[in-house]
N, C-alpha and C. Protein backbone atom coordinates (compact mmCIF):
# COMPACT_ATOMS: atom_id res chain seq x y z
N MET A 1 -24.07 29.66 -19.21
CA MET A 1 -22.80 30.41 -20.53
C MET A 1 -21.86 30.88 -19.31
N GLU A 2 -21.92 31.61 -18.00
CA GLU A 2 -21.00 31.68 -16.97
C GLU A 2 -20.31 30.53 -16.72
N ASN A 3 -20.46 29.26 -16.16
CA ASN A 3 -19.93 28.02 -16.23
C ASN A 3 -18.85 28.31 -17.21
N HIS A 4 -18.96 28.24 -18.58
CA HIS A 4 -18.43 28.07 -19.54
C HIS A 4 -17.23 29.11 -19.64
N LEU A 5 -17.68 29.99 -19.36
CA LEU A 5 -16.59 30.87 -19.41
C LEU A 5 -15.93 31.14 -18.37
N ASN A 6 -15.78 30.69 -17.29
CA ASN A 6 -14.68 30.30 -16.30
C ASN A 6 -14.03 29.11 -16.28
N THR A 7 -14.42 28.30 -17.43
CA THR A 7 -13.68 27.24 -17.40
C THR A 7 -12.68 27.52 -18.28
N LYS A 8 -13.25 28.38 -19.37
CA LYS A 8 -12.20 29.00 -20.30
C LYS A 8 -11.32 30.13 -20.02
N SER A 9 -11.57 30.55 -18.63
CA SER A 9 -10.44 31.79 -18.50
C SER A 9 -9.82 30.57 -17.24
N LEU A 10 -9.78 29.66 -16.50
CA LEU A 10 -9.79 28.82 -16.06
C LEU A 10 -8.33 27.60 -16.99
N LEU A 11 -9.02 27.41 -18.22
CA LEU A 11 -7.70 26.88 -19.04
C LEU A 11 -7.05 27.35 -19.25
N ALA A 12 -7.33 28.88 -19.81
CA ALA A 12 -6.61 29.80 -20.42
C ALA A 12 -5.19 29.97 -19.22
N ASN A 13 -5.40 29.78 -18.09
CA ASN A 13 -4.29 29.96 -16.67
C ASN A 13 -4.05 28.64 -16.07
N VAL A 14 -4.08 27.97 -16.39
CA VAL A 14 -3.87 26.34 -16.01
C VAL A 14 -2.71 25.31 -16.76
N PRO A 15 -1.50 25.46 -16.35
CA PRO A 15 -1.51 24.23 -17.11
C PRO A 15 -1.54 22.94 -17.29
N THR A 16 -2.71 22.56 -18.17
CA THR A 16 -3.31 21.14 -17.94
C THR A 16 -2.24 19.90 -17.48
N ASP A 17 -0.95 19.84 -17.85
CA ASP A 17 -0.03 19.30 -17.93
C ASP A 17 0.19 18.49 -16.16
N LEU A 18 -0.35 19.34 -15.61
CA LEU A 18 0.09 19.70 -13.86
C LEU A 18 -1.08 18.77 -13.39
N LEU A 19 -2.15 18.99 -14.32
CA LEU A 19 -3.13 18.17 -13.70
C LEU A 19 -3.47 16.69 -13.62
N TYR A 20 -2.84 16.52 -15.36
CA TYR A 20 -2.64 15.18 -15.75
C TYR A 20 -1.59 14.17 -15.02
N GLN A 21 -0.54 15.37 -15.12
CA GLN A 21 0.63 14.89 -14.22
C GLN A 21 -0.33 14.15 -12.38
N ALA A 22 -0.62 14.60 -11.69
CA ALA A 22 -1.38 14.87 -10.31
C ALA A 22 -2.10 13.49 -10.81
N LEU A 23 -2.89 13.54 -11.77
CA LEU A 23 -4.01 12.56 -11.75
C LEU A 23 -3.15 11.08 -12.19
N GLU A 24 -1.90 11.24 -12.64
CA GLU A 24 -1.46 9.41 -12.94
C GLU A 24 -0.56 9.67 -11.64
N THR A 25 -0.14 10.67 -11.34
CA THR A 25 0.65 10.49 -9.63
C THR A 25 0.06 9.62 -8.95
N GLU A 26 -1.27 9.97 -8.73
CA GLU A 26 -2.73 9.48 -7.64
C GLU A 26 -2.65 7.84 -8.47
N LYS A 27 -2.20 7.66 -9.72
CA LYS A 27 -2.95 6.34 -10.14
C LYS A 27 -1.91 5.75 -9.52
N GLY A 28 -0.77 6.07 -10.04
CA GLY A 28 0.63 5.26 -9.52
C GLY A 28 0.59 4.62 -8.31
N GLY A 29 0.25 6.05 -7.23
CA GLY A 29 0.28 5.77 -6.06
C GLY A 29 -0.20 4.56 -5.58
N VAL A 30 -1.87 4.51 -6.22
CA VAL A 30 -2.53 3.45 -5.91
C VAL A 30 -1.36 1.76 -6.32
N GLN A 31 -1.12 1.50 -7.21
CA GLN A 31 -0.35 0.25 -7.50
C GLN A 31 0.85 0.35 -6.33
N ILE A 32 1.68 1.87 -6.14
CA ILE A 32 2.87 2.07 -5.34
C ILE A 32 2.30 1.12 -4.08
N TYR A 33 1.49 1.89 -3.39
CA TYR A 33 0.62 1.20 -2.12
C TYR A 33 0.83 -0.14 -2.21
N ALA A 34 -0.34 -0.51 -2.88
CA ALA A 34 -0.53 -2.14 -3.42
C ALA A 34 0.72 -2.96 -3.00
N THR A 35 1.75 -2.29 -4.04
CA THR A 35 3.47 -3.45 -3.89
C THR A 35 3.90 -2.76 -2.66
N ALA A 36 3.84 -1.81 -1.74
CA ALA A 36 4.47 -1.46 -0.73
C ALA A 36 3.96 -2.53 0.47
N LEU A 37 3.10 -2.35 0.50
CA LEU A 37 1.96 -3.78 1.51
C LEU A 37 2.49 -5.10 1.33
N ARG A 38 2.82 -5.65 0.45
CA ARG A 38 3.07 -6.79 0.29
C ARG A 38 4.70 -6.82 0.57
N CYS A 39 5.24 -6.06 0.28
CA CYS A 39 6.43 -5.98 1.08
C CYS A 39 7.03 -5.29 3.01
N ALA A 40 5.61 -5.00 3.66
CA ALA A 40 5.41 -4.29 4.67
C ALA A 40 5.06 -5.99 6.19
N ILE A 41 6.12 -5.60 6.99
CA ILE A 41 6.44 -6.68 7.64
C ILE A 41 5.73 -6.24 9.38
N ASN A 42 5.92 -4.67 9.42
CA ASN A 42 5.31 -4.43 10.71
C ASN A 42 4.28 -3.75 10.52
N ASN A 43 3.65 -4.10 11.56
CA ASN A 43 1.87 -4.34 11.35
C ASN A 43 1.50 -2.58 11.65
N ASP A 44 2.39 -1.92 12.30
CA ASP A 44 1.84 -0.53 12.60
C ASP A 44 2.27 0.11 11.16
N LEU A 45 3.08 -0.29 10.37
CA LEU A 45 3.30 0.03 8.40
C LEU A 45 2.12 -0.26 7.80
N LYS A 46 2.16 -1.66 8.32
CA LYS A 46 0.97 -2.05 7.47
C LYS A 46 -0.32 -1.39 7.50
N GLU A 47 -0.56 -0.79 8.87
CA GLU A 47 -2.09 0.21 8.79
C GLU A 47 -2.10 0.81 8.41
N GLU A 48 -0.77 2.31 8.49
CA GLU A 48 -0.28 3.34 7.60
C GLU A 48 -0.66 3.44 6.31
N TRP A 49 -0.14 2.29 5.93
CA TRP A 49 -0.33 1.97 4.40
C TRP A 49 -1.10 1.76 3.49
N ASN A 50 -2.39 1.17 4.31
CA ASN A 50 -3.94 0.65 3.91
C ASN A 50 -4.26 1.89 4.09
N LYS A 51 -4.20 2.53 5.30
CA LYS A 51 -4.80 3.90 5.18
C LYS A 51 -4.97 4.66 4.03
N TYR A 52 -3.40 4.69 3.78
CA TYR A 52 -2.92 5.54 2.71
C TYR A 52 -3.56 5.14 1.07
N LEU A 53 -3.23 4.17 1.42
CA LEU A 53 -4.03 3.70 -0.01
C LEU A 53 -5.09 3.84 -0.26
N GLN A 54 -6.18 3.75 0.73
CA GLN A 54 -8.05 4.03 0.26
C GLN A 54 -7.56 5.12 0.04
N GLN A 55 -7.00 6.20 0.84
CA GLN A 55 -7.08 7.91 0.45
C GLN A 55 -6.68 8.27 -1.06
N THR A 56 -5.53 7.51 -1.41
CA THR A 56 -4.95 7.56 -2.30
C THR A 56 -6.06 7.03 -3.91
N LYS A 57 -7.03 6.28 -3.43
CA LYS A 57 -7.81 5.42 -4.41
C LYS A 57 -8.96 6.85 -4.48
N ASN A 58 -9.45 7.64 -3.45
CA ASN A 58 -10.37 8.44 -3.48
C ASN A 58 -9.40 10.27 -3.86
N HIS A 59 -7.67 10.16 -3.63
CA HIS A 59 -7.58 11.43 -4.69
C HIS A 59 -7.61 11.05 -6.36
N VAL A 60 -7.48 10.07 -6.70
CA VAL A 60 -7.84 9.64 -8.19
C VAL A 60 -9.21 10.47 -8.68
N GLN A 61 -9.83 9.98 -7.67
CA GLN A 61 -11.56 10.13 -8.06
C GLN A 61 -11.59 11.95 -7.78
N GLU A 62 -10.84 12.54 -7.14
CA GLU A 62 -10.80 13.92 -6.96
C GLU A 62 -10.59 14.63 -8.44
N VAL A 63 -8.66 14.24 -8.37
CA VAL A 63 -8.31 14.81 -9.52
C VAL A 63 -9.46 14.90 -10.98
N THR A 64 -9.47 13.35 -10.90
CA THR A 64 -10.50 13.06 -12.55
C THR A 64 -11.81 14.08 -12.32
N ASN A 65 -12.53 14.25 -11.53
CA ASN A 65 -13.36 15.24 -10.91
C ASN A 65 -12.88 16.67 -11.62
N ILE A 66 -12.20 17.03 -11.37
CA ILE A 66 -10.91 17.86 -11.64
C ILE A 66 -11.03 18.20 -13.06
N LEU A 67 -10.82 17.78 -14.13
CA LEU A 67 -10.50 17.43 -15.11
C LEU A 67 -11.99 17.39 -16.09
N LYS A 68 -12.92 16.45 -15.40
CA LYS A 68 -14.00 16.12 -15.79
C LYS A 68 -14.78 17.71 -15.90
N GLY A 69 -15.02 18.72 -14.49
CA GLY A 69 -15.67 19.84 -14.75
C GLY A 69 -14.57 20.73 -15.61
N LEU A 70 -13.79 20.68 -16.07
CA LEU A 70 -12.70 21.48 -17.09
C LEU A 70 -13.17 21.17 -18.33
N GLY A 71 -14.42 20.28 -18.62
CA GLY A 71 -14.11 19.92 -19.95
C GLY A 71 -13.14 19.01 -20.52
N LEU A 72 -12.27 18.25 -19.60
CA LEU A 72 -11.11 17.48 -20.18
C LEU A 72 -11.43 15.73 -20.20
N ASP A 73 -10.66 15.33 -21.15
CA ASP A 73 -10.61 14.00 -20.90
C ASP A 73 -9.43 13.63 -19.97
N PRO A 74 -10.19 12.58 -18.89
CA PRO A 74 -9.34 12.11 -17.91
C PRO A 74 -8.24 11.03 -18.78
N ASN A 75 -8.08 10.37 -19.68
CA ASN A 75 -7.63 9.59 -19.92
C ASN A 75 -6.39 10.14 -21.36
N ALA A 76 -6.82 11.56 -21.50
CA ALA A 76 -5.92 11.76 -22.65
C ALA A 76 -4.50 12.11 -22.31
N GLU A 77 -3.35 12.00 -22.96
CA GLU A 77 -2.08 11.75 -23.03
C GLU A 77 -1.21 12.99 -22.88
N THR A 78 -0.46 13.29 -21.55
CA THR A 78 0.21 14.63 -21.98
C THR A 78 1.89 13.99 -21.79
N PRO A 79 2.86 14.52 -22.16
CA PRO A 79 4.28 14.32 -22.47
C PRO A 79 4.64 14.16 -20.53
N GLY A 80 4.13 15.31 -19.74
CA GLY A 80 4.86 14.65 -18.29
C GLY A 80 3.63 13.80 -18.16
N ARG A 81 2.79 13.54 -18.32
CA ARG A 81 1.89 12.33 -17.66
C ARG A 81 2.68 10.94 -18.27
N LYS A 82 3.12 10.94 -19.51
CA LYS A 82 3.99 9.80 -19.37
C LYS A 82 5.32 9.74 -18.54
N VAL A 83 6.16 10.40 -18.22
CA VAL A 83 7.07 10.34 -17.62
C VAL A 83 6.48 10.02 -16.30
N VAL A 84 5.80 11.17 -15.52
CA VAL A 84 5.48 10.38 -14.47
C VAL A 84 4.87 8.55 -14.21
N ARG A 85 4.28 8.09 -15.56
CA ARG A 85 3.87 6.74 -15.09
C ARG A 85 4.77 6.06 -15.52
N TYR A 86 5.71 6.39 -16.32
CA TYR A 86 7.50 5.61 -16.03
C TYR A 86 7.97 5.32 -15.05
N ILE A 87 7.89 6.29 -14.10
CA ILE A 87 8.27 6.56 -12.86
C ILE A 87 7.68 5.83 -11.95
N GLY A 88 6.33 5.84 -11.91
CA GLY A 88 5.64 5.00 -11.07
C GLY A 88 5.73 3.11 -11.38
N THR A 89 5.65 3.25 -12.52
CA THR A 89 5.93 1.73 -12.94
C THR A 89 7.23 1.48 -12.29
N SER A 90 8.46 1.95 -12.47
CA SER A 90 9.93 1.46 -11.82
C SER A 90 9.44 1.76 -10.77
N LEU A 91 9.23 2.34 -9.84
CA LEU A 91 9.18 2.20 -8.56
C LEU A 91 8.90 0.68 -7.82
N VAL A 92 7.32 0.60 -8.74
CA VAL A 92 7.02 -0.66 -8.61
C VAL A 92 7.42 -1.52 -8.86
N LYS A 93 7.92 -1.84 -10.42
CA LYS A 93 9.61 -2.84 -10.02
C LYS A 93 10.38 -2.74 -9.18
N ALA A 94 11.04 -1.76 -9.02
CA ALA A 94 12.00 -1.48 -7.59
C ALA A 94 11.80 -2.64 -6.84
N MET A 95 10.04 -2.62 -6.35
CA MET A 95 9.56 -2.99 -4.79
C MET A 95 9.42 -4.60 -5.04
N GLU A 96 9.36 -4.88 -6.25
CA GLU A 96 9.08 -6.45 -6.98
C GLU A 96 10.54 -7.30 -6.80
N LEU A 97 11.22 -6.74 -7.66
CA LEU A 97 12.69 -6.71 -7.21
C LEU A 97 13.14 -7.03 -5.60
N ALA A 98 13.24 -5.92 -5.23
CA ALA A 98 13.26 -6.83 -3.69
C ALA A 98 12.59 -7.58 -2.96
N LEU A 99 11.37 -7.40 -3.37
CA LEU A 99 10.67 -8.93 -3.18
C LEU A 99 10.72 -10.46 -3.37
N ARG A 100 11.97 -10.10 -4.80
CA ARG A 100 12.75 -11.46 -5.26
C ARG A 100 14.17 -11.44 -4.56
N CYS A 101 14.55 -10.90 -4.31
CA CYS A 101 16.33 -11.07 -4.20
C CYS A 101 16.70 -10.19 -2.98
N ALA A 102 15.87 -9.56 -2.18
CA ALA A 102 15.68 -8.90 -0.86
C ALA A 102 15.67 -9.99 0.60
N ASP A 103 16.12 -9.90 1.42
CA ASP A 103 15.40 -10.59 2.46
C ASP A 103 14.64 -9.26 3.24
N PRO A 104 13.40 -10.20 4.03
CA PRO A 104 11.85 -9.24 4.05
C PRO A 104 12.53 -7.90 4.86
N GLN A 105 13.71 -7.62 5.64
CA GLN A 105 13.44 -6.31 6.32
C GLN A 105 13.91 -5.18 5.06
N ALA A 106 14.95 -5.74 4.01
CA ALA A 106 15.33 -5.13 2.93
C ALA A 106 14.68 -4.62 2.27
N ALA A 107 13.48 -5.28 1.92
CA ALA A 107 12.04 -5.49 0.99
C ALA A 107 11.14 -3.90 1.74
N GLN A 108 11.25 -4.39 3.11
CA GLN A 108 10.63 -3.33 3.60
C GLN A 108 11.47 -1.82 3.50
N ILE A 109 12.85 -1.95 3.48
CA ILE A 109 13.04 0.03 3.44
C ILE A 109 12.65 0.01 1.99
N VAL A 110 13.14 -0.78 0.80
CA VAL A 110 13.50 -0.70 0.06
C VAL A 110 11.79 0.03 -0.25
N ALA A 111 10.46 -0.35 -0.15
CA ALA A 111 9.01 -0.13 -0.54
C ALA A 111 9.08 1.46 0.45
N ALA A 112 9.59 1.22 1.64
CA ALA A 112 9.11 2.74 1.97
C ALA A 112 10.11 3.86 1.36
N GLU A 113 11.25 3.26 1.10
CA GLU A 113 11.93 4.32 0.27
C GLU A 113 10.78 4.84 -1.05
N CYS A 114 10.48 3.90 -1.84
CA CYS A 114 9.49 3.90 -3.15
C CYS A 114 8.46 5.13 -3.00
N VAL A 115 8.06 4.27 -1.70
CA VAL A 115 6.76 5.55 -1.27
C VAL A 115 7.15 6.85 -1.09
N THR A 116 8.21 6.72 -0.91
CA THR A 116 8.83 8.06 -0.07
C THR A 116 9.26 9.59 -1.45
N LEU A 117 9.52 8.52 -2.21
CA LEU A 117 9.78 9.10 -3.63
C LEU A 117 8.69 9.96 -4.64
N ALA A 118 7.81 8.44 -4.17
CA ALA A 118 6.44 8.90 -4.72
C ALA A 118 5.77 10.27 -4.38
N GLU A 119 5.51 10.42 -2.95
CA GLU A 119 4.82 11.16 -2.13
C GLU A 119 5.41 12.31 -2.23
N THR A 120 6.97 12.42 -2.39
CA THR A 120 7.59 13.56 -3.07
C THR A 120 6.70 14.60 -4.03
N LYS A 121 6.87 13.70 -5.00
CA LYS A 121 6.20 14.11 -6.55
C LYS A 121 4.77 14.22 -5.82
N ASP A 122 4.10 13.64 -5.32
CA ASP A 122 2.59 13.80 -5.18
C ASP A 122 2.36 15.27 -4.42
N HIS A 123 3.27 15.07 -3.11
CA HIS A 123 3.24 16.28 -2.44
C HIS A 123 3.42 17.77 -3.12
N LEU A 124 4.60 17.83 -4.17
CA LEU A 124 4.94 19.00 -5.10
C LEU A 124 3.76 18.86 -5.99
N ASN A 125 2.93 18.10 -6.28
CA ASN A 125 1.86 18.75 -7.29
C ASN A 125 0.66 19.46 -6.54
N TRP A 126 0.45 18.31 -5.19
CA TRP A 126 -0.78 19.63 -4.63
C TRP A 126 -0.31 20.93 -4.16
N GLU A 127 1.12 21.25 -3.85
CA GLU A 127 1.70 22.29 -3.26
C GLU A 127 1.50 23.38 -4.66
N LEU A 128 1.58 22.86 -5.73
CA LEU A 128 1.63 23.49 -6.75
C LEU A 128 0.14 24.25 -7.07
N ILE A 129 -1.15 23.11 -7.01
CA ILE A 129 -2.00 23.13 -7.14
C ILE A 129 -2.87 24.06 -6.31
N GLY A 130 -2.18 24.15 -4.71
CA GLY A 130 -2.49 25.10 -4.04
C GLY A 130 -1.95 26.55 -3.75
N GLU A 131 -0.62 26.62 -5.02
CA GLU A 131 -0.46 28.12 -5.27
C GLU A 131 -1.36 28.54 -6.48
N LEU A 132 -1.42 27.70 -7.51
CA LEU A 132 -2.43 28.07 -8.61
C LEU A 132 -3.52 28.57 -8.07
N LYS A 133 -4.06 27.85 -7.53
CA LYS A 133 -5.40 28.22 -6.40
C LYS A 133 -5.67 29.57 -5.86
N GLN A 134 -4.33 29.97 -5.47
CA GLN A 134 -4.21 31.78 -4.74
C GLN A 134 -4.38 32.50 -5.48
N LYS A 135 -3.73 32.00 -7.46
CA LYS A 135 -3.45 33.26 -8.08
C LYS A 135 -4.76 33.04 -8.99
N LEU A 136 -5.61 32.61 -8.83
CA LEU A 136 -6.76 32.36 -9.66
C LEU A 136 -7.95 33.61 -9.09
N GLU A 137 -9.07 33.69 -10.25
CA GLU A 137 -10.32 34.52 -9.35
C GLU A 137 -11.19 33.56 -8.63
N PRO A 138 -12.04 34.12 -7.62
CA PRO A 138 -13.03 33.39 -6.65
C PRO A 138 -13.49 32.23 -7.52
N ALA A 139 -14.41 32.76 -8.53
CA ALA A 139 -14.71 31.45 -9.05
C ALA A 139 -14.16 30.69 -10.41
N GLU A 140 -12.83 31.30 -10.31
CA GLU A 140 -11.98 29.76 -10.78
C GLU A 140 -11.31 29.09 -9.87
N ALA A 141 -11.03 29.65 -9.02
CA ALA A 141 -10.35 28.82 -7.33
C ALA A 141 -11.30 27.60 -7.32
N ALA A 142 -12.94 28.00 -7.28
CA ALA A 142 -13.65 27.05 -7.08
C ALA A 142 -13.88 25.48 -7.34
N LEU A 143 -12.99 25.58 -9.15
CA LEU A 143 -12.95 24.24 -9.21
C LEU A 143 -11.78 23.60 -8.61
N LEU A 144 -10.89 24.20 -7.87
CA LEU A 144 -10.05 23.72 -7.41
C LEU A 144 -10.02 23.85 -5.79
N LYS A 145 -10.58 24.18 -5.03
CA LYS A 145 -10.91 24.39 -4.02
C LYS A 145 -10.95 23.48 -3.03
N PRO A 146 -12.22 22.94 -3.30
CA PRO A 146 -12.83 21.60 -3.01
C PRO A 146 -11.82 20.14 -2.14
N ALA A 147 -11.16 19.68 -3.52
CA ALA A 147 -10.40 18.80 -3.91
C ALA A 147 -9.18 19.18 -3.04
N TYR A 148 -8.50 20.45 -3.01
CA TYR A 148 -7.35 21.01 -2.78
C TYR A 148 -7.24 20.89 -1.15
N GLU A 149 -8.54 21.33 -0.64
CA GLU A 149 -8.42 21.33 0.75
C GLU A 149 -8.61 19.98 1.52
N GLN A 150 -9.45 19.11 0.74
CA GLN A 150 -9.63 17.66 1.33
C GLN A 150 -8.42 16.87 1.44
N VAL A 151 -7.48 17.40 0.60
CA VAL A 151 -5.86 16.33 0.15
C VAL A 151 -4.70 16.84 0.60
N GLU A 152 -4.39 17.98 0.27
CA GLU A 152 -3.55 18.49 0.98
C GLU A 152 -3.04 18.15 2.39
N ASP A 153 -3.85 17.92 3.46
CA ASP A 153 -3.54 17.57 4.25
C ASP A 153 -3.28 16.33 4.94
N GLU A 154 -3.40 15.33 3.97
CA GLU A 154 -3.44 14.36 3.77
C GLU A 154 -2.09 13.91 3.16
N GLU A 155 -1.80 14.60 1.94
CA GLU A 155 -0.54 14.65 1.68
C GLU A 155 0.39 15.14 2.45
N ASP A 156 0.21 15.63 3.09
CA ASP A 156 1.32 15.64 3.78
C ASP A 156 1.64 14.74 4.95
N GLU A 157 0.56 13.80 5.57
CA GLU A 157 1.09 12.83 6.38
C GLU A 157 1.67 11.87 5.59
N HIS A 158 1.27 11.59 4.42
CA HIS A 158 1.67 10.35 3.60
C HIS A 158 3.48 10.36 3.63
N LEU A 159 3.58 11.76 3.50
CA LEU A 159 5.04 12.49 2.89
C LEU A 159 5.84 12.37 4.33
N TYR A 160 5.60 13.04 5.30
CA TYR A 160 6.58 13.16 6.24
C TYR A 160 6.22 12.24 7.61
N HIS A 161 5.27 11.34 7.25
CA HIS A 161 5.17 9.94 8.15
C HIS A 161 5.66 8.89 7.45
N THR A 162 5.81 8.74 6.08
CA THR A 162 6.86 7.60 5.93
C THR A 162 8.34 7.81 5.36
N THR A 163 8.56 8.94 5.65
CA THR A 163 10.09 9.68 5.61
C THR A 163 10.43 8.86 7.13
N GLY A 164 9.58 9.47 8.00
CA GLY A 164 10.06 9.18 9.29
C GLY A 164 10.13 7.35 9.48
N TRP A 165 9.86 6.33 8.48
CA TRP A 165 9.24 5.20 8.86
C TRP A 165 10.68 5.03 8.18
N THR A 166 10.82 5.51 6.85
CA THR A 166 11.93 5.35 6.26
C THR A 166 13.46 5.25 7.01
N ARG A 167 13.49 6.81 7.73
CA ARG A 167 15.01 6.48 8.53
C ARG A 167 14.90 5.95 9.65
N GLU A 168 13.70 5.26 10.10
CA GLU A 168 14.05 4.64 11.61
C GLU A 168 14.09 3.26 10.87
N LEU A 169 13.23 2.81 10.20
CA LEU A 169 13.54 1.20 9.56
C LEU A 169 15.35 1.09 8.70
N TRP A 170 15.58 2.15 8.39
CA TRP A 170 17.31 2.33 8.32
C TRP A 170 18.16 2.65 9.48
N ILE A 171 17.94 3.19 10.43
CA ILE A 171 18.24 2.94 11.66
C ILE A 171 18.22 1.43 12.26
N GLN A 172 17.24 1.17 12.25
CA GLN A 172 17.26 -0.23 12.77
C GLN A 172 17.97 -1.05 12.16
N ALA A 173 18.28 -1.26 10.84
CA ALA A 173 18.83 -2.38 10.04
C ALA A 173 19.93 -2.36 10.42
N LEU A 174 20.93 -0.60 10.69
CA LEU A 174 22.16 -0.35 10.83
C LEU A 174 22.52 -1.00 12.28
N GLY A 175 21.70 -1.55 13.35
CA GLY A 175 21.78 -2.16 14.59
C GLY A 175 21.51 -1.65 15.30
N MET A 176 21.07 0.17 15.44
CA MET A 176 21.44 1.35 16.00
C MET A 176 19.64 1.15 16.74
N PRO A 177 19.71 1.73 17.85
CA PRO A 177 17.88 1.45 18.29
C PRO A 177 16.99 3.00 17.36
N ALA A 178 16.22 2.15 17.40
CA ALA A 178 14.96 2.81 16.61
C ALA A 178 13.59 3.64 16.84
N VAL A 179 13.26 4.03 17.01
CA VAL A 179 12.18 4.64 17.59
C VAL A 179 10.66 4.31 16.89
N LEU A 180 9.79 3.03 16.73
CA LEU A 180 9.00 2.75 16.24
C LEU A 180 7.87 2.63 17.02
N PRO A 181 6.61 3.35 16.51
CA PRO A 181 6.39 4.08 14.84
C PRO A 181 7.12 5.37 15.70
N PRO A 182 7.75 5.68 14.22
CA PRO A 182 8.55 6.67 14.39
C PRO A 182 7.75 8.35 14.96
N PRO A 183 8.31 9.31 15.54
CA PRO A 183 7.47 10.63 16.44
C PRO A 183 6.88 10.99 15.39
N GLU A 184 7.14 11.31 14.11
CA GLU A 184 6.26 11.55 13.22
C GLU A 184 4.94 11.11 12.99
N GLU A 185 4.64 9.97 13.26
CA GLU A 185 3.08 9.23 13.14
C GLU A 185 2.92 9.71 14.47
N VAL A 186 3.52 9.20 15.69
CA VAL A 186 2.62 9.16 17.00
C VAL A 186 2.32 10.94 17.23
N LYS A 187 3.36 11.51 16.87
CA LYS A 187 2.73 13.26 16.74
C LYS A 187 2.06 13.98 15.85
N LYS A 188 1.62 12.97 15.26
CA LYS A 188 0.71 13.37 14.10
C LYS A 188 0.89 14.53 13.21
N VAL A 189 2.14 14.52 12.41
CA VAL A 189 2.45 16.43 12.10
C VAL A 189 2.22 15.81 10.74
N GLU A 190 2.01 17.27 10.29
CA GLU A 190 1.15 17.69 9.02
C GLU A 190 1.97 19.10 7.96
N THR A 191 3.12 19.75 8.95
CA THR A 191 3.91 20.52 8.15
C THR A 191 5.37 19.97 8.25
N ALA A 192 5.98 20.60 7.75
CA ALA A 192 7.71 20.39 8.02
C ALA A 192 8.10 20.60 9.15
N ILE A 193 7.55 21.56 9.38
CA ILE A 193 7.60 22.41 10.68
C ILE A 193 7.99 21.30 12.04
N GLU A 194 6.94 20.83 11.95
CA GLU A 194 6.47 19.91 12.85
C GLU A 194 6.88 18.51 12.36
N ALA A 195 7.33 18.15 11.51
CA ALA A 195 8.25 17.31 11.04
C ALA A 195 9.63 17.07 11.62
N ALA A 196 10.12 18.70 11.33
CA ALA A 196 11.71 18.29 11.81
C ALA A 196 11.60 18.63 13.48
N LYS A 197 10.56 19.03 13.98
CA LYS A 197 10.80 18.72 15.60
C LYS A 197 10.27 17.47 15.96
N ALA A 198 9.64 16.93 15.60
CA ALA A 198 9.55 15.49 15.70
C ALA A 198 10.55 14.67 15.13
N LYS A 199 11.58 14.95 14.65
CA LYS A 199 12.80 14.25 14.00
C LYS A 199 13.81 14.48 15.07
N GLU A 200 14.09 15.60 15.63
CA GLU A 200 14.83 16.20 16.69
C GLU A 200 14.18 15.24 17.82
N SER A 201 12.84 15.08 18.18
CA SER A 201 12.32 14.47 19.24
C SER A 201 12.68 13.03 19.28
N ARG A 202 13.52 12.71 18.79
CA ARG A 202 13.90 11.02 18.34
C ARG A 202 14.99 10.87 19.41
N ALA A 203 15.99 11.50 19.39
CA ALA A 203 17.49 11.49 20.20
C ALA A 203 17.18 10.75 21.56
N PRO A 204 16.41 11.81 22.33
CA PRO A 204 16.01 10.82 23.82
C PRO A 204 15.44 9.68 23.77
N LYS A 205 14.85 9.79 23.16
CA LYS A 205 13.88 8.50 22.62
C LYS A 205 14.61 7.19 22.54
N ALA A 206 15.71 7.30 21.35
CA ALA A 206 16.56 6.39 20.77
C ALA A 206 17.42 5.83 22.07
N LYS A 207 17.59 7.38 22.43
CA LYS A 207 19.42 7.01 23.78
C LYS A 207 18.03 6.32 25.06
N ALA A 208 17.29 6.08 25.18
CA ALA A 208 16.16 5.80 26.07
C ALA A 208 16.34 3.92 26.38
N LYS A 209 16.09 3.92 24.46
CA LYS A 209 15.98 2.57 24.64
C LYS A 209 17.49 1.79 24.29
N LYS A 210 18.55 2.63 23.96
CA LYS A 210 19.75 2.18 23.98
C LYS A 210 19.81 1.64 25.05
N SER A 211 20.10 2.49 26.70
CA SER A 211 19.99 2.46 27.86
C SER A 211 19.31 0.89 28.53
N THR A 212 17.92 1.05 28.01
CA THR A 212 17.27 -0.04 28.12
C THR A 212 17.84 -1.73 28.18
N ALA A 213 18.44 -1.41 26.59
CA ALA A 213 18.53 -2.75 26.44
C ALA A 213 20.37 -2.90 26.80
N ARG A 214 20.85 -2.34 27.38
CA ARG A 214 21.99 -2.68 27.63
C ARG A 214 21.76 -3.86 29.07
């Protein structure tokens, strides 16, 4: 009976649409990474995205378990979930279009941009789940805490590292010295502050590459 009461209390405080959006974002992420890997030509990037694909598959299960723990049907539809699915499908179609119409380097950049867009939403979902967890009673927060603690750091890495890849691939395409792998990956950043510092550190490295190329 105690668990039932905790679940009822949590459901009264949690906008369940957020959890359904989180699940749909992760499910869409699996398809996005699978398609992005078809676009990737840089071996380091392929390795990175392969790791993220496996982690995202695990995230799907984590959110599914949360919903089931709340007595909710993971297959239920919500308005927000439909929108998230539409956006995810559009990102996959954008990459498929790039594979058909663009040169390999351009398709790789499109894929990096699509992953960054998807991970921006994914990162926001888990940030909101973390905020929600802090406002709940201990017994309620315990339903979200294990998944949040496992997934949050991985989502930080997904977003900040892929943002770095997107920037450096664009710089390379523009004919300027790029830092590949990007400093975000080399420094294994996991916070916005670390990502900003890593971005700043690229300038001397790029300058050194430019001098070597002369």
